[in-house]
Amino acid sequence: MNHIYDSHVHIFSRQVDQTALLAAMKAAGVDGGVLISPAPEAFADGFPGPTSTKERLDCLLQWTSGTLTLFPFYWIDPTEKDAIRQVRMAAARGVMGFKVICNHFYPGDAVAMDTYRAIARTGKPLLFHSGILWDSTPSSKYCRPVEFEAMIDVPGIRFALAHISWPWIDECLATYGKFLATRKRRPSVSCEMFIDLTPGTPPIYRREALTKIHTIGYEIADNLLFGTDNRAVYLAAAAAKWIKTDNAIYDALDVGPKTREKIYGRNLMRFLKP
């Protein structure tokens, strides 16, 4: 197998230790991955770290600077008044993508849509949380996968729904199918949806989820991303366990090495730079 990249790693610590992060990733058999900045103010409750745009960008880039295998994603609240300014600032400073959690707004919110269009103009991808949201507020209604149909109206955007939208896995796959069909029926539609396989799915649901994904019959192998929902203080044993679990399921499903290489690394490279 070629490189393994973790597409979903959160920064919760101000104490930057890139050496320890890369060593822990290596211990898990992971070569690098996406690092997500500390949370914006609307999601900062319970998440230690800076909340201003500059401080969050500084922290993110301190974690990722000087290496070619850590990819900085800026976590943005697309409804903030200066969200488009934040997009431009983050892109100018070298972020490789953006992260959004819809915790107090629907994905199709008009202000948020303008921010997504600004992100699309930068050529950077967008990673959404999707599925149940354990944030202690009544917010999961904003994260149903079908709500992300709104992205059809964002020209050129590459976006991923994380966690396979658990527990709405079937709805996530149906939404993915909708995007495939839309692009065939309306060639002018230029958005592209990916699915981030990051858990969300508890172990008892993992086999069912991956079986549905790989047997549904959609053209999907090029649009799957591996991730662990880890943290920059990287939990190597947890990451290694998920890789082992997924590979055992792939063995049972006869998922071949070419498809696994796409899931574990090549698809992320295309997500970042098509």
C-alpha atoms as a PDB file:
ATOM      1  CA  MET A   1       0.000   0.000   0.000  1.00  0.00           C
ATOM      2  CA  ASN A   2       1.174   3.531  -0.758  1.00  0.00           C
ATOM      3  CA  HIS A   3       0.857   6.466   1.638  1.00  0.00           C
ATOM      4  CA  ILE A   4      -1.882   6.622   4.267  1.00  0.00           C
ATOM      5  CA  TYR A   5      -3.201  10.093   5.037  1.00  0.00           C
ATOM      6  CA  ASP A   6      -5.654  10.923   7.814  1.00  0.00           C
ATOM      7  CA  SER A   7      -8.141  13.422   6.407  1.00  0.00           C
ATOM      8  CA  HIS A   8      -9.623  14.451   9.769  1.00  0.00           C
ATOM      9  CA  VAL A   9      -7.382  15.618  12.648  1.00  0.00           C
ATOM     10  CA  HIS A  10      -8.402  18.402  15.053  1.00  0.00           C
ATOM     11  CA  ILE A  11      -6.100  20.863  16.799  1.00  0.00           C
ATOM     12  CA  PHE A  12      -7.201  21.258  20.411  1.00  0.00           C
ATOM     13  CA  SER A  13      -3.860  22.274  21.905  1.00  0.00           C
ATOM     14  CA  ARG A  14      -1.958  25.557  21.851  1.00  0.00           C
ATOM     15  CA  GLN A  15       1.220  23.608  22.586  1.00  0.00           C
ATOM     16  CA  VAL A  16       2.654  22.912  19.139  1.00  0.00           C
ATOM     17  CA  ASP A  17       4.677  19.695  18.892  1.00  0.00           C
ATOM     18  CA  GLN A  18       4.906  18.732  15.252  1.00  0.00           C
ATOM     19  CA  THR A  19       7.700  16.244  15.919  1.00  0.00           C
ATOM     20  CA  ALA A  20       5.564  14.281  18.368  1.00  0.00           C
ATOM     21  CA  LEU A  21       2.584  14.408  16.000  1.00  0.00           C
ATOM     22  CA  LEU A  22       4.526  13.008  13.060  1.00  0.00           C
ATOM     23  CA  ALA A  23       6.126  10.339  15.256  1.00  0.00           C
ATOM     24  CA  ALA A  24       2.725   9.223  16.555  1.00  0.00           C
ATOM     25  CA  MET A  25       1.320   9.166  13.034  1.00  0.00           C
ATOM     26  CA  LYS A  26       4.259   7.055  11.890  1.00  0.00           C
ATOM     27  CA  ALA A  27       3.651   4.631  14.758  1.00  0.00           C
ATOM     28  CA  ALA A  28       0.102   4.185  13.458  1.00  0.00           C
ATOM     29  CA  GLY A  29       1.287   3.681   9.885  1.00  0.00           C
ATOM     30  CA  VAL A  30       0.021   7.131   8.872  1.00  0.00           C
ATOM     31  CA  ASP A  31       2.173   9.452   6.765  1.00  0.00           C
ATOM     32  CA  GLY A  32       0.382  12.735   7.460  1.00  0.00           C
ATOM     33  CA  GLY A  33      -2.996  14.311   6.912  1.00  0.00           C
ATOM     34  CA  VAL A  34      -5.383  17.205   7.288  1.00  0.00           C
ATOM     35  CA  LEU A  35      -5.056  19.352  10.415  1.00  0.00           C
ATOM     36  CA  ILE A  36      -8.097  21.440  11.303  1.00  0.00           C
ATOM     37  CA  SER A  37      -7.644  24.758  13.088  1.00  0.00           C
ATOM     38  CA  PRO A  38      -9.088  25.528  16.521  1.00  0.00           C
ATOM     39  CA  ALA A  39     -12.829  26.221  16.496  1.00  0.00           C
ATOM     40  CA  PRO A  40     -14.477  29.548  15.663  1.00  0.00           C
ATOM     41  CA  GLU A  41     -16.238  31.435  18.426  1.00  0.00           C
ATOM     42  CA  ALA A  42     -19.668  29.910  17.729  1.00  0.00           C
ATOM     43  CA  PHE A  43     -18.256  26.447  18.417  1.00  0.00           C
ATOM     44  CA  ALA A  44     -15.567  27.268  20.944  1.00  0.00           C
ATOM     45  CA  ASP A  45     -17.494  26.230  24.070  1.00  0.00           C
ATOM     46  CA  GLY A  46     -15.647  23.237  25.481  1.00  0.00           C
ATOM     47  CA  PHE A  47     -12.842  23.505  22.930  1.00  0.00           C
ATOM     48  CA  PRO A  48      -9.724  25.118  24.389  1.00  0.00           C
ATOM     49  CA  GLY A  49      -7.666  27.365  22.184  1.00  0.00           C
ATOM     50  CA  PRO A  50      -7.654  30.772  20.500  1.00  0.00           C
ATOM     51  CA  THR A  51     -10.833  32.134  18.905  1.00  0.00           C
ATOM     52  CA  SER A  52      -9.711  35.142  16.852  1.00  0.00           C
ATOM     53  CA  THR A  53      -9.092  34.620  13.139  1.00  0.00           C
ATOM     54  CA  LYS A  54      -5.422  35.561  13.309  1.00  0.00           C
ATOM     55  CA  GLU A  55      -4.669  33.494  16.402  1.00  0.00           C
ATOM     56  CA  ARG A  56      -6.402  30.427  14.991  1.00  0.00           C
ATOM     57  CA  LEU A  57      -4.564  30.760  11.692  1.00  0.00           C
ATOM     58  CA  ASP A  58      -1.268  31.278  13.493  1.00  0.00           C
ATOM     59  CA  CYS A  59      -1.832  28.158  15.587  1.00  0.00           C
ATOM     60  CA  LEU A  60      -2.827  26.077  12.555  1.00  0.00           C
ATOM     61  CA  LEU A  61       0.162  27.123  10.481  1.00  0.00           C
ATOM     62  CA  GLN A  62       2.584  26.587  13.352  1.00  0.00           C
ATOM     63  CA  TRP A  63       1.423  22.969  13.458  1.00  0.00           C
ATOM     64  CA  THR A  64       1.767  22.441   9.696  1.00  0.00           C
ATOM     65  CA  SER A  65       4.714  24.613   8.632  1.00  0.00           C
ATOM     66  CA  GLY A  66       7.882  23.094   7.216  1.00  0.00           C
ATOM     67  CA  THR A  67       6.380  19.766   6.169  1.00  0.00           C
ATOM     68  CA  LEU A  68       4.788  18.558   2.954  1.00  0.00           C
ATOM     69  CA  THR A  69       2.554  15.969   4.620  1.00  0.00           C
ATOM     70  CA  LEU A  70       0.436  18.056   7.008  1.00  0.00           C
ATOM     71  CA  PHE A  71      -2.332  19.932   5.216  1.00  0.00           C
ATOM     72  CA  PRO A  72      -3.841  22.978   6.990  1.00  0.00           C
ATOM     73  CA  PHE A  73      -7.643  23.417   6.973  1.00  0.00           C
ATOM     74  CA  TYR A  74      -9.183  26.543   8.470  1.00  0.00           C
ATOM     75  CA  TRP A  75     -12.366  26.014  10.502  1.00  0.00           C
ATOM     76  CA  ILE A  76     -14.768  28.811   9.629  1.00  0.00           C
ATOM     77  CA  ASP A  77     -18.262  29.843  10.659  1.00  0.00           C
ATOM     78  CA  PRO A  78     -19.617  30.865   7.235  1.00  0.00           C
ATOM     79  CA  THR A  79     -22.343  33.030   8.773  1.00  0.00           C
ATOM     80  CA  GLU A  80     -19.975  35.429  10.542  1.00  0.00           C
ATOM     81  CA  LYS A  81     -20.089  38.979   9.199  1.00  0.00           C
ATOM     82  CA  ASP A  82     -16.466  38.883   8.085  1.00  0.00           C
ATOM     83  CA  ALA A  83     -16.499  35.284   6.827  1.00  0.00           C
ATOM     84  CA  ILE A  84     -15.522  36.169   3.260  1.00  0.00           C
ATOM     85  CA  ARG A  85     -12.648  38.273   4.573  1.00  0.00           C
ATOM     86  CA  GLN A  86     -11.553  35.262   6.637  1.00  0.00           C
ATOM     87  CA  VAL A  87     -11.637  33.077   3.524  1.00  0.00           C
ATOM     88  CA  ARG A  88      -9.395  35.484   1.655  1.00  0.00           C
ATOM     89  CA  MET A  89      -7.016  35.860   4.589  1.00  0.00           C
ATOM     90  CA  ALA A  90      -6.739  32.109   5.132  1.00  0.00           C
ATOM     91  CA  ALA A  91      -6.184  31.414   1.439  1.00  0.00           C
ATOM     92  CA  ALA A  92      -3.536  34.144   1.232  1.00  0.00           C
ATOM     93  CA  ARG A  93      -1.690  32.583   4.163  1.00  0.00           C
ATOM     94  CA  GLY A  94      -1.571  29.185   2.524  1.00  0.00           C
ATOM     95  CA  VAL A  95      -4.363  27.059   3.969  1.00  0.00           C
ATOM     96  CA  MET A  96      -5.218  24.105   1.753  1.00  0.00           C
ATOM     97  CA  GLY A  97      -8.891  23.805   2.637  1.00  0.00           C
ATOM     98  CA  PHE A  98     -11.732  24.826   4.928  1.00  0.00           C
ATOM     99  CA  LYS A  99     -13.834  23.132   7.603  1.00  0.00           C
ATOM    100  CA  VAL A 100     -17.456  23.949   8.491  1.00  0.00           C
ATOM    101  CA  ILE A 101     -19.778  22.582  11.173  1.00  0.00           C
ATOM    102  CA  CYS A 102     -23.370  23.745  10.705  1.00  0.00           C
ATOM    103  CA  ASN A 103     -24.268  23.988  14.383  1.00  0.00           C
ATOM    104  CA  HIS A 104     -26.689  26.938  14.303  1.00  0.00           C
ATOM    105  CA  PHE A 105     -27.635  27.284  10.625  1.00  0.00           C
ATOM    106  CA  TYR A 106     -28.679  25.084   7.730  1.00  0.00           C
ATOM    107  CA  PRO A 107     -26.090  24.410   5.018  1.00  0.00           C
ATOM    108  CA  GLY A 108     -28.190  26.362   2.522  1.00  0.00           C
ATOM    109  CA  ASP A 109     -28.299  29.537   4.628  1.00  0.00           C
ATOM    110  CA  ALA A 110     -27.994  32.471   2.203  1.00  0.00           C
ATOM    111  CA  VAL A 111     -25.054  34.084   4.018  1.00  0.00           C
ATOM    112  CA  ALA A 112     -23.260  30.739   4.299  1.00  0.00           C
ATOM    113  CA  MET A 113     -23.787  30.103   0.591  1.00  0.00           C
ATOM    114  CA  ASP A 114     -21.962  33.324  -0.255  1.00  0.00           C
ATOM    115  CA  THR A 115     -19.056  32.118   1.877  1.00  0.00           C
ATOM    116  CA  TYR A 116     -18.996  28.736   0.128  1.00  0.00           C
ATOM    117  CA  ARG A 117     -18.856  30.526  -3.221  1.00  0.00           C
ATOM    118  CA  ALA A 118     -15.910  32.555  -1.958  1.00  0.00           C
ATOM    119  CA  ILE A 119     -14.202  29.306  -0.925  1.00  0.00           C
ATOM    120  CA  ALA A 120     -14.893  27.801  -4.349  1.00  0.00           C
ATOM    121  CA  ARG A 121     -13.257  30.804  -5.999  1.00  0.00           C
ATOM    122  CA  THR A 122     -10.043  30.067  -4.090  1.00  0.00           C
ATOM    123  CA  GLY A 123      -9.967  26.544  -5.545  1.00  0.00           C
ATOM    124  CA  LYS A 124      -9.748  25.069  -2.028  1.00  0.00           C
ATOM    125  CA  PRO A 125     -11.962  22.181  -0.852  1.00  0.00           C
ATOM    126  CA  LEU A 126     -14.488  22.263   1.977  1.00  0.00           C
ATOM    127  CA  LEU A 127     -14.928  19.592   4.663  1.00  0.00           C
ATOM    128  CA  PHE A 128     -18.322  19.555   6.396  1.00  0.00           C
ATOM    129  CA  HIS A 129     -19.355  17.778   9.542  1.00  0.00           C
ATOM    130  CA  SER A 130     -22.390  15.662   8.735  1.00  0.00           C
ATOM    131  CA  GLY A 131     -24.486  13.382  10.911  1.00  0.00           C
ATOM    132  CA  ILE A 132     -25.318  13.534  14.603  1.00  0.00           C
ATOM    133  CA  LEU A 133     -23.527  16.408  16.320  1.00  0.00           C
ATOM    134  CA  TRP A 134     -22.471  15.847  19.915  1.00  0.00           C
ATOM    135  CA  ASP A 135     -22.148  19.480  20.919  1.00  0.00           C
ATOM    136  CA  SER A 136     -24.686  19.608  23.802  1.00  0.00           C
ATOM    137  CA  THR A 137     -27.153  21.782  21.839  1.00  0.00           C
ATOM    138  CA  PRO A 138     -30.139  20.809  19.624  1.00  0.00           C
ATOM    139  CA  SER A 139     -28.127  21.147  16.425  1.00  0.00           C
ATOM    140  CA  SER A 140     -28.084  17.833  14.555  1.00  0.00           C
ATOM    141  CA  LYS A 141     -31.042  18.890  12.401  1.00  0.00           C
ATOM    142  CA  TYR A 142     -28.645  21.206  10.571  1.00  0.00           C
ATOM    143  CA  CYS A 143     -26.328  18.320   9.688  1.00  0.00           C
ATOM    144  CA  ARG A 144     -28.660  15.946   7.838  1.00  0.00           C
ATOM    145  CA  PRO A 145     -26.953  14.960   4.579  1.00  0.00           C
ATOM    146  CA  VAL A 146     -29.911  15.865   2.379  1.00  0.00           C
ATOM    147  CA  GLU A 147     -29.541  19.495   3.495  1.00  0.00           C
ATOM    148  CA  PHE A 148     -26.247  19.606   1.593  1.00  0.00           C
ATOM    149  CA  GLU A 149     -28.111  19.409  -1.714  1.00  0.00           C
ATOM    150  CA  ALA A 150     -27.734  23.184  -1.534  1.00  0.00           C
ATOM    151  CA  MET A 151     -24.129  22.746  -2.690  1.00  0.00           C
ATOM    152  CA  ILE A 152     -25.433  22.058  -6.195  1.00  0.00           C
ATOM    153  CA  ASP A 153     -25.671  25.836  -6.485  1.00  0.00           C
ATOM    154  CA  VAL A 154     -22.002  26.474  -5.624  1.00  0.00           C
ATOM    155  CA  PRO A 155     -20.074  26.311  -8.907  1.00  0.00           C
ATOM    156  CA  GLY A 156     -16.735  24.539  -8.775  1.00  0.00           C
ATOM    157  CA  ILE A 157     -16.850  23.523  -5.112  1.00  0.00           C
ATOM    158  CA  ARG A 158     -15.275  20.270  -3.949  1.00  0.00           C
ATOM    159  CA  PHE A 159     -16.791  19.275  -0.627  1.00  0.00           C
ATOM    160  CA  ALA A 160     -16.867  16.238   1.637  1.00  0.00           C
ATOM    161  CA  LEU A 161     -19.423  15.063   4.177  1.00  0.00           C
ATOM    162  CA  ALA A 162     -17.612  13.646   7.190  1.00  0.00           C
ATOM    163  CA  HIS A 163     -18.479  10.643   9.346  1.00  0.00           C
ATOM    164  CA  ILE A 164     -20.497   9.046   6.514  1.00  0.00           C
ATOM    165  CA  SER A 165     -23.252  11.224   8.042  1.00  0.00           C
ATOM    166  CA  TRP A 166     -23.880   8.576  10.732  1.00  0.00           C
ATOM    167  CA  PRO A 167     -26.566   7.627  11.652  1.00  0.00           C
ATOM    168  CA  TRP A 168     -27.961   8.783   8.286  1.00  0.00           C
ATOM    169  CA  ILE A 169     -25.664   6.632   6.151  1.00  0.00           C
ATOM    170  CA  ASP A 170     -28.361   5.694   3.629  1.00  0.00           C
ATOM    171  CA  GLU A 171     -29.303   9.347   3.246  1.00  0.00           C
ATOM    172  CA  CYS A 172     -25.642  10.246   2.728  1.00  0.00           C
ATOM    173  CA  LEU A 173     -25.307   7.701  -0.068  1.00  0.00           C
ATOM    174  CA  ALA A 174     -28.579   8.827  -1.626  1.00  0.00           C
ATOM    175  CA  THR A 175     -27.335  12.421  -1.545  1.00  0.00           C
ATOM    176  CA  TYR A 176     -24.083  11.348  -3.192  1.00  0.00           C
ATOM    177  CA  GLY A 177     -26.122   9.600  -5.880  1.00  0.00           C
ATOM    178  CA  LYS A 178     -28.115  12.799  -6.365  1.00  0.00           C
ATOM    179  CA  PHE A 179     -24.901  14.708  -7.090  1.00  0.00           C
ATOM    180  CA  LEU A 180     -23.773  12.063  -9.591  1.00  0.00           C
ATOM    181  CA  ALA A 181     -27.129  12.208 -11.363  1.00  0.00           C
ATOM    182  CA  THR A 182     -27.228  15.995 -11.319  1.00  0.00           C
ATOM    183  CA  ARG A 183     -23.829  16.288 -12.961  1.00  0.00           C
ATOM    184  CA  LYS A 184     -24.951  13.917 -15.724  1.00  0.00           C
ATOM    185  CA  ARG A 185     -28.286  15.662 -16.282  1.00  0.00           C
ATOM    186  CA  ARG A 186     -26.910  19.170 -16.006  1.00  0.00           C
ATOM    187  CA  PRO A 187     -23.359  19.251 -17.375  1.00  0.00           C
ATOM    188  CA  SER A 188     -23.087  22.885 -16.279  1.00  0.00           C
ATOM    189  CA  VAL A 189     -23.071  21.755 -12.627  1.00  0.00           C
ATOM    190  CA  SER A 190     -19.427  21.688 -11.568  1.00  0.00           C
ATOM    191  CA  CYS A 191     -19.573  20.798  -7.861  1.00  0.00           C
ATOM    192  CA  GLU A 192     -18.252  17.460  -6.625  1.00  0.00           C
ATOM    193  CA  MET A 193     -19.126  15.568  -3.437  1.00  0.00           C
ATOM    194  CA  PHE A 194     -16.759  13.317  -1.489  1.00  0.00           C
ATOM    195  CA  ILE A 195     -17.511  11.121   1.536  1.00  0.00           C
ATOM    196  CA  ASP A 196     -15.152  11.201   4.510  1.00  0.00           C
ATOM    197  CA  LEU A 197     -15.163   7.751   6.129  1.00  0.00           C
ATOM    198  CA  THR A 198     -14.033   9.174   9.477  1.00  0.00           C
ATOM    199  CA  PRO A 199     -15.790   7.425  12.384  1.00  0.00           C
ATOM    200  CA  GLY A 200     -18.860   8.758  13.673  1.00  0.00           C
ATOM    201  CA  THR A 201     -19.838   5.199  12.931  1.00  0.00           C
ATOM    202  CA  PRO A 202     -19.469   3.170  16.164  1.00  0.00           C
ATOM    203  CA  PRO A 203     -17.707  -0.176  15.605  1.00  0.00           C
ATOM    204  CA  ILE A 204     -20.961  -2.163  15.585  1.00  0.00           C
ATOM    205  CA  TYR A 205     -22.122  -0.182  12.529  1.00  0.00           C
ATOM    206  CA  ARG A 206     -18.815  -0.030  10.670  1.00  0.00           C
ATOM    207  CA  ARG A 207     -19.132  -3.216   8.619  1.00  0.00           C
ATOM    208  CA  GLU A 208     -22.681  -2.348   7.597  1.00  0.00           C
ATOM    209  CA  ALA A 209     -21.640   1.166   6.549  1.00  0.00           C
ATOM    210  CA  LEU A 210     -18.637   0.102   4.470  1.00  0.00           C
ATOM    211  CA  THR A 211     -20.600  -2.748   2.906  1.00  0.00           C
ATOM    212  CA  LYS A 212     -23.290  -0.338   1.732  1.00  0.00           C
ATOM    213  CA  ILE A 213     -20.695   2.051   0.339  1.00  0.00           C
ATOM    214  CA  HIS A 214     -18.823  -0.582  -1.653  1.00  0.00           C
ATOM    215  CA  THR A 215     -21.828  -2.560  -2.905  1.00  0.00           C
ATOM    216  CA  ILE A 216     -24.334   0.182  -3.728  1.00  0.00           C
ATOM    217  CA  GLY A 217     -23.170   0.243  -7.328  1.00  0.00           C
ATOM    218  CA  TYR A 218     -22.378   3.951  -7.567  1.00  0.00           C
ATOM    219  CA  GLU A 219     -19.205   5.364  -9.091  1.00  0.00           C
ATOM    220  CA  ILE A 220     -17.798   6.066  -5.663  1.00  0.00           C
ATOM    221  CA  ALA A 221     -14.269   4.654  -5.336  1.00  0.00           C
ATOM    222  CA  ASP A 222     -12.658   7.944  -6.404  1.00  0.00           C
ATOM    223  CA  ASN A 223     -14.600   9.985  -3.840  1.00  0.00           C
ATOM    224  CA  LEU A 224     -13.891   8.269  -0.512  1.00  0.00           C
ATOM    225  CA  LEU A 225     -11.498   9.678   2.100  1.00  0.00           C
ATOM    226  CA  PHE A 226      -9.959   7.901   5.092  1.00  0.00           C
ATOM    227  CA  GLY A 227      -9.950   9.718   8.428  1.00  0.00           C
ATOM    228  CA  THR A 228      -9.992   9.066  12.161  1.00  0.00           C
ATOM    229  CA  ASP A 229     -11.361  12.213  13.884  1.00  0.00           C
ATOM    230  CA  ASN A 230      -8.094  12.250  15.791  1.00  0.00           C
ATOM    231  CA  ARG A 231      -6.341  15.155  17.456  1.00  0.00           C
ATOM    232  CA  ALA A 232      -2.967  16.780  16.963  1.00  0.00           C
ATOM    233  CA  VAL A 233      -1.869  15.093  20.189  1.00  0.00           C
ATOM    234  CA  TYR A 234      -2.271  12.011  18.029  1.00  0.00           C
ATOM    235  CA  LEU A 235      -3.732   8.790  19.412  1.00  0.00           C
ATOM    236  CA  ALA A 236      -1.694   6.278  17.428  1.00  0.00           C
ATOM    237  CA  ALA A 237      -3.327   3.159  18.842  1.00  0.00           C
ATOM    238  CA  ALA A 238      -6.813   4.400  17.952  1.00  0.00           C
ATOM    239  CA  ALA A 239      -5.767   5.267  14.398  1.00  0.00           C
ATOM    240  CA  ALA A 240      -4.044   1.917  13.906  1.00  0.00           C
ATOM    241  CA  LYS A 241      -7.128   0.124  15.211  1.00  0.00           C
ATOM    242  CA  TRP A 242      -9.393   1.842  12.676  1.00  0.00           C
ATOM    243  CA  ILE A 243      -7.019   0.989   9.829  1.00  0.00           C
ATOM    244  CA  LYS A 244      -6.973  -2.650  10.946  1.00  0.00           C
ATOM    245  CA  THR A 245     -10.766  -2.721  11.319  1.00  0.00           C
ATOM    246  CA  ASP A 246     -11.404  -1.195   7.908  1.00  0.00           C
ATOM    247  CA  ASN A 247      -8.880  -3.452   6.185  1.00  0.00           C
ATOM    248  CA  ALA A 248     -10.514  -6.541   7.676  1.00  0.00           C
ATOM    249  CA  ILE A 249     -13.847  -5.386   6.270  1.00  0.00           C
ATOM    250  CA  TYR A 250     -12.246  -4.599   2.909  1.00  0.00           C
ATOM    251  CA  ASP A 251     -10.768  -8.107   2.868  1.00  0.00           C
ATOM    252  CA  ALA A 252     -14.234  -9.578   3.390  1.00  0.00           C
ATOM    253  CA  LEU A 253     -15.695  -7.339   0.674  1.00  0.00           C
ATOM    254  CA  ASP A 254     -12.834  -8.091  -1.729  1.00  0.00           C
ATOM    255  CA  VAL A 255     -11.949  -4.400  -2.015  1.00  0.00           C
ATOM    256  CA  GLY A 256      -8.769  -4.468  -4.062  1.00  0.00           C
ATOM    257  CA  PRO A 257      -5.454  -2.693  -3.503  1.00  0.00           C
ATOM    258  CA  LYS A 258      -6.094   0.008  -6.116  1.00  0.00           C
ATOM    259  CA  THR A 259      -9.311   1.087  -4.412  1.00  0.00           C
ATOM    260  CA  ARG A 260      -7.645   1.013  -0.993  1.00  0.00           C
ATOM    261  CA  GLU A 261      -4.814   3.196  -2.276  1.00  0.00           C
ATOM    262  CA  LYS A 262      -7.408   5.707  -3.423  1.00  0.00           C
ATOM    263  CA  ILE A 263      -9.215   5.694  -0.075  1.00  0.00           C
ATOM    264  CA  TYR A 264      -6.077   5.927   2.047  1.00  0.00           C
ATOM    265  CA  GLY A 265      -4.322   8.643   0.096  1.00  0.00           C
ATOM    266  CA  ARG A 266      -4.806   9.281  -3.590  1.00  0.00           C
ATOM    267  CA  ASN A 267      -8.354  10.599  -3.246  1.00  0.00           C
ATOM    268  CA  LEU A 268      -7.254  13.116  -0.627  1.00  0.00           C
ATOM    269  CA  MET A 269      -4.592  14.395  -3.001  1.00  0.00           C
ATOM    270  CA  ARG A 270      -7.264  14.906  -5.657  1.00  0.00           C
ATOM    271  CA  PHE A 271      -9.563  16.532  -3.096  1.00  0.00           C
ATOM    272  CA  LEU A 272      -6.796  18.980  -2.235  1.00  0.00           C
ATOM    273  CA  LYS A 273      -5.556  19.576  -5.783  1.00  0.00           C
ATOM    274  CA  PRO A 274      -7.719  18.137  -8.586  1.00  0.00           C
END
